[in-house]
Amino acid sequence: MSEPKISLNKLGEYLDATPARRRRIVQDQIDPKTFIAARYSDAREEISVYLATNKLNDEQLINAAINLRNQQHESKFIAQDKSLSADAIDDFLEIADQVGAEGYKLEKGSATDQVSMNISGVNISVRPDVYVKNDNNEVVGAIKLHFSKSNRLNEKSSEYIATCLRVYLEGKYDASKIDYKLCTVVDIPSGSVVNAPKATKKRMQDITAACEEIEARWKNTKT
């Protein structure tokens, strides 16, 4: 069996899920559906580029959404996925002025980088969508986007994700430079923008306990 793993956004959802939903999340991580994992890739790319260019051109995003809807696609699934990305772009534009960090440089993260951290035997795919840097080109924060309409994040789950994002950055870069207020989770369907809380100890205890549970479920799940 493969090693236990989960995406950061799914971990946030797991931490505030019912027992049945927790079981389903682990099962989906063991046997992931590729087509689901690929959802919203166009929206993620377009929004990340938009943020990294300091939100200079709303028209660029508006046109990207129009093109995604108007293009001819080879399958119904692809057409639906493009339409969902277009909807996500429209929704993001409603909250775009709340996202970012004035006075800082934003840099798009790589979609192919294997950016992860390990907690209690679980490999967590962190992969920030955008990094926040200071004038010395030092990482001081990051932005994580969330798109799923069917599994929206609430403030509690967003704070867990932002906390984990902050702890990852503190371990990867100069911890003294990381600003918790610049570690941000954007749940596009709900229009919420949540920064990491100042206190991390209790939330990291919850995250560690959740990862211990995920590892146990993983080993006890038959595939």
Protein backbone atom coordinates (compact mmCIF):
# COMPACT_ATOMS: atom_id res chain seq x y z
CA MET A 1 0.00 0.00 0.00
CA SER A 2 1.16 3.54 -0.71
CA GLU A 3 2.28 5.87 2.04
CA PRO A 4 -0.39 8.04 3.70
CA LYS A 5 -0.85 11.38 1.93
CA ILE A 6 -3.34 14.21 1.70
CA SER A 7 -3.55 17.65 0.15
CA LEU A 8 -3.47 20.63 2.49
CA ASN A 9 -6.97 21.76 1.51
CA LYS A 10 -8.38 18.29 2.11
CA LEU A 11 -6.65 18.18 5.49
CA GLY A 12 -8.42 21.41 6.43
CA GLU A 13 -11.73 19.90 5.37
CA TYR A 14 -10.95 16.68 7.27
CA LEU A 15 -10.40 18.58 10.50
CA ASP A 16 -13.98 19.85 10.49
CA ALA A 17 -15.72 16.88 8.87
CA THR A 18 -18.16 14.27 10.15
CA PRO A 19 -16.78 10.77 10.83
CA ALA A 20 -18.36 9.45 7.62
CA ARG A 21 -16.91 12.29 5.57
CA ARG A 22 -13.48 11.71 7.15
CA ARG A 23 -13.61 8.08 6.05
CA ARG A 24 -14.54 9.15 2.53
CA ILE A 25 -11.72 11.70 2.35
CA VAL A 26 -9.12 9.08 3.27
CA GLN A 27 -10.58 6.59 0.79
CA ASP A 28 -10.42 9.22 -1.97
CA GLN A 29 -6.78 9.92 -1.12
CA ILE A 30 -5.94 6.22 -1.30
CA ASP A 31 -7.75 5.82 -4.62
CA PRO A 32 -7.84 9.32 -6.15
CA LYS A 33 -9.95 10.09 -9.18
CA THR A 34 -7.62 11.82 -11.63
CA PHE A 35 -10.41 13.79 -13.28
CA ILE A 36 -11.45 15.24 -9.91
CA ALA A 37 -7.89 16.19 -8.98
CA ALA A 38 -7.59 18.09 -12.26
CA ARG A 39 -10.64 20.25 -11.62
CA TYR A 40 -10.21 24.04 -11.68
CA SER A 41 -6.65 23.87 -13.06
CA ASP A 42 -7.40 26.69 -15.51
CA ALA A 43 -8.86 28.93 -12.82
CA ARG A 44 -5.93 28.23 -10.50
CA GLU A 45 -3.45 29.13 -13.24
CA GLU A 46 -5.23 32.31 -14.37
CA ILE A 47 -5.84 33.63 -10.85
CA SER A 48 -2.29 32.88 -9.71
CA VAL A 49 -0.85 34.73 -12.70
CA TYR A 50 -3.24 37.63 -12.07
CA LEU A 51 -2.09 37.94 -8.45
CA ALA A 52 1.57 37.63 -9.41
CA THR A 53 1.22 40.56 -11.80
CA ASN A 54 -0.20 42.73 -8.98
CA LYS A 55 -3.78 42.54 -10.28
CA LEU A 56 -2.98 45.03 -13.00
CA ASN A 57 -5.41 43.73 -15.58
CA ASP A 58 -8.95 42.66 -14.65
CA GLU A 59 -9.73 42.40 -18.36
CA GLN A 60 -7.23 39.57 -18.64
CA LEU A 61 -9.21 37.50 -16.15
CA ILE A 62 -12.57 38.49 -17.63
CA ASN A 63 -11.40 37.46 -21.11
CA ALA A 64 -9.96 34.20 -19.76
CA ALA A 65 -13.40 33.29 -18.36
CA ILE A 66 -15.10 34.18 -21.65
CA ASN A 67 -12.63 32.08 -23.64
CA LEU A 68 -13.06 29.08 -21.33
CA ARG A 69 -16.82 29.17 -21.93
CA ASN A 70 -16.67 29.78 -25.68
CA GLN A 71 -14.04 27.25 -26.72
CA GLN A 72 -15.06 23.96 -28.30
CA HIS A 73 -13.97 20.97 -26.21
CA GLU A 74 -13.47 17.32 -27.03
CA SER A 75 -15.62 15.94 -24.25
CA LYS A 76 -18.52 16.92 -22.02
CA PHE A 77 -16.32 16.55 -18.95
CA ILE A 78 -13.69 18.96 -20.27
CA ALA A 79 -16.37 21.47 -21.26
CA GLN A 80 -17.88 21.24 -17.78
CA ASP A 81 -14.47 21.67 -16.17
CA LYS A 82 -13.73 24.76 -18.27
CA SER A 83 -17.12 26.20 -17.35
CA LEU A 84 -16.45 25.60 -13.64
CA SER A 85 -13.11 27.38 -13.95
CA ALA A 86 -14.81 30.30 -15.69
CA ASP A 87 -17.37 30.51 -12.87
CA ALA A 88 -14.56 30.43 -10.30
CA ILE A 89 -12.78 33.29 -12.06
CA ASP A 90 -15.99 35.35 -12.01
CA ASP A 91 -16.44 34.61 -8.31
CA PHE A 92 -12.83 35.50 -7.55
CA LEU A 93 -13.16 38.89 -9.21
CA GLU A 94 -15.84 39.74 -6.65
CA ILE A 95 -13.28 39.42 -3.83
CA ALA A 96 -10.04 40.22 -5.68
CA ASP A 97 -9.56 43.48 -3.79
CA GLN A 98 -9.38 41.51 -0.52
CA VAL A 99 -6.59 39.22 -1.72
CA GLY A 100 -2.91 40.10 -1.81
CA ALA A 101 -0.42 42.05 0.26
CA GLU A 102 0.12 45.71 -0.45
CA GLY A 103 3.79 46.66 -0.54
CA TYR A 104 4.94 43.09 -1.20
CA LYS A 105 5.88 41.16 -4.30
CA LEU A 106 3.66 38.23 -5.24
CA GLU A 107 5.19 35.30 -7.10
CA LYS A 108 3.30 32.42 -8.67
CA GLY A 109 4.08 28.98 -7.27
CA SER A 110 4.86 26.11 -9.63
CA ALA A 111 2.03 23.64 -10.23
CA THR A 112 4.58 20.86 -10.73
CA ASP A 113 6.71 21.42 -7.62
CA GLN A 114 6.43 18.66 -5.02
CA VAL A 115 6.04 20.99 -2.06
CA SER A 116 5.15 18.95 1.00
CA MET A 117 5.61 18.43 4.71
CA ASN A 118 5.29 15.32 6.86
CA ILE A 119 3.27 15.24 10.05
CA SER A 120 2.89 12.01 12.02
CA GLY A 121 3.68 9.85 9.01
CA VAL A 122 1.33 11.65 6.62
CA ASN A 123 2.76 13.44 3.60
CA ILE A 124 0.86 16.72 3.18
CA SER A 125 0.96 18.35 -0.24
CA VAL A 126 1.20 22.06 0.61
CA ARG A 127 1.97 23.64 -2.76
CA PRO A 128 1.22 27.37 -2.25
CA ASP A 129 -0.43 28.97 -5.25
CA VAL A 130 1.33 32.31 -4.68
CA TYR A 131 4.31 33.28 -2.54
CA VAL A 132 4.55 36.66 -0.82
CA LYS A 133 8.04 38.21 -0.84
CA ASN A 134 9.62 41.33 0.65
CA ASP A 135 11.94 43.83 -1.03
CA ASN A 136 14.88 41.48 -0.41
CA ASN A 137 13.12 38.71 -2.32
CA GLU A 138 12.63 36.74 0.89
CA VAL A 139 9.49 34.65 1.38
CA VAL A 140 7.32 36.19 4.10
CA GLY A 141 3.99 34.49 3.40
CA ALA A 142 1.88 32.62 0.85
CA ILE A 143 -1.62 32.31 -0.57
CA LYS A 144 -3.58 29.07 -0.94
CA LEU A 145 -6.65 28.96 -3.19
CA HIS A 146 -9.65 26.66 -2.69
CA PHE A 147 -12.27 26.09 -5.37
CA SER A 148 -14.66 23.24 -4.55
CA LYS A 149 -18.29 24.38 -4.33
CA SER A 150 -19.46 21.08 -2.87
CA ASN A 151 -16.88 21.14 -0.06
CA ARG A 152 -16.58 24.78 0.89
CA LEU A 153 -14.26 25.80 3.69
CA ASN A 154 -15.54 27.55 6.79
CA GLU A 155 -13.47 29.85 8.99
CA LYS A 156 -12.34 26.98 11.22
CA SER A 157 -11.06 24.76 8.41
CA SER A 158 -9.48 27.75 6.65
CA GLU A 159 -7.58 28.66 9.82
CA TYR A 160 -6.24 25.12 10.06
CA ILE A 161 -5.00 25.31 6.47
CA ALA A 162 -3.46 28.76 6.99
CA THR A 163 -1.78 27.57 10.20
CA CYS A 164 -0.26 24.56 8.47
CA LEU A 165 0.84 26.79 5.58
CA ARG A 166 2.55 29.12 8.03
CA VAL A 167 4.33 26.26 9.85
CA TYR A 168 5.52 24.87 6.51
CA LEU A 169 6.95 28.26 5.49
CA GLU A 170 8.64 28.70 8.87
CA GLY A 171 10.34 25.33 8.44
CA LYS A 172 11.35 25.94 4.83
CA TYR A 173 12.47 29.58 5.00
CA ASP A 174 13.66 32.06 7.62
CA ALA A 175 11.03 31.65 10.32
CA SER A 176 11.68 35.13 11.71
CA LYS A 177 10.61 36.63 8.37
CA ILE A 178 7.30 34.76 8.06
CA ASP A 179 4.31 36.97 8.90
CA TYR A 180 1.23 35.00 9.96
CA LYS A 181 -0.96 37.80 8.60
CA LEU A 182 0.46 37.07 5.13
CA CYS A 183 -0.36 33.34 5.23
CA THR A 184 -3.76 33.38 3.56
CA VAL A 185 -6.44 30.92 2.47
CA VAL A 186 -8.97 32.06 -0.13
CA ASP A 187 -12.16 30.00 -0.40
CA ILE A 188 -13.54 31.28 -3.67
CA PRO A 189 -17.08 29.79 -3.56
CA SER A 190 -17.83 31.36 -0.17
CA GLY A 191 -15.88 34.55 -0.88
CA SER A 192 -13.87 34.21 2.33
CA VAL A 193 -10.28 35.36 2.83
CA VAL A 194 -8.73 34.01 6.04
CA ASN A 195 -5.27 34.68 7.44
CA ALA A 196 -3.39 32.38 9.79
CA PRO A 197 -4.13 33.09 13.45
CA LYS A 198 -1.32 34.33 15.66
CA ALA A 199 -1.48 31.31 17.99
CA THR A 200 -0.55 27.96 16.45
CA LYS A 201 0.02 25.52 19.33
CA LYS A 202 -3.54 24.26 19.83
CA ARG A 203 -4.28 24.09 16.11
CA MET A 204 -1.08 22.20 15.39
CA GLN A 205 -2.01 19.74 18.13
CA ASP A 206 -5.33 19.20 16.33
CA ILE A 207 -3.54 18.84 12.99
CA THR A 208 -1.10 16.30 14.45
CA ALA A 209 -3.96 14.29 15.96
CA ALA A 210 -5.80 14.35 12.62
CA CYS A 211 -2.70 13.08 10.80
CA GLU A 212 -2.32 10.28 13.34
CA GLU A 213 -5.92 9.33 12.63
CA ILE A 214 -5.40 9.52 8.87
CA GLU A 215 -2.37 7.23 9.09
CA ALA A 216 -4.36 4.71 11.15
CA ARG A 217 -7.34 4.85 8.75
CA TRP A 218 -5.00 4.50 5.77
CA LYS A 219 -3.40 1.34 7.12
CA ASN A 220 -6.77 -0.18 8.02
CA THR A 221 -8.50 0.64 4.74
CA LYS A 222 -8.78 -2.18 2.22
CA THR A 223 -8.32 -1.28 -1.44
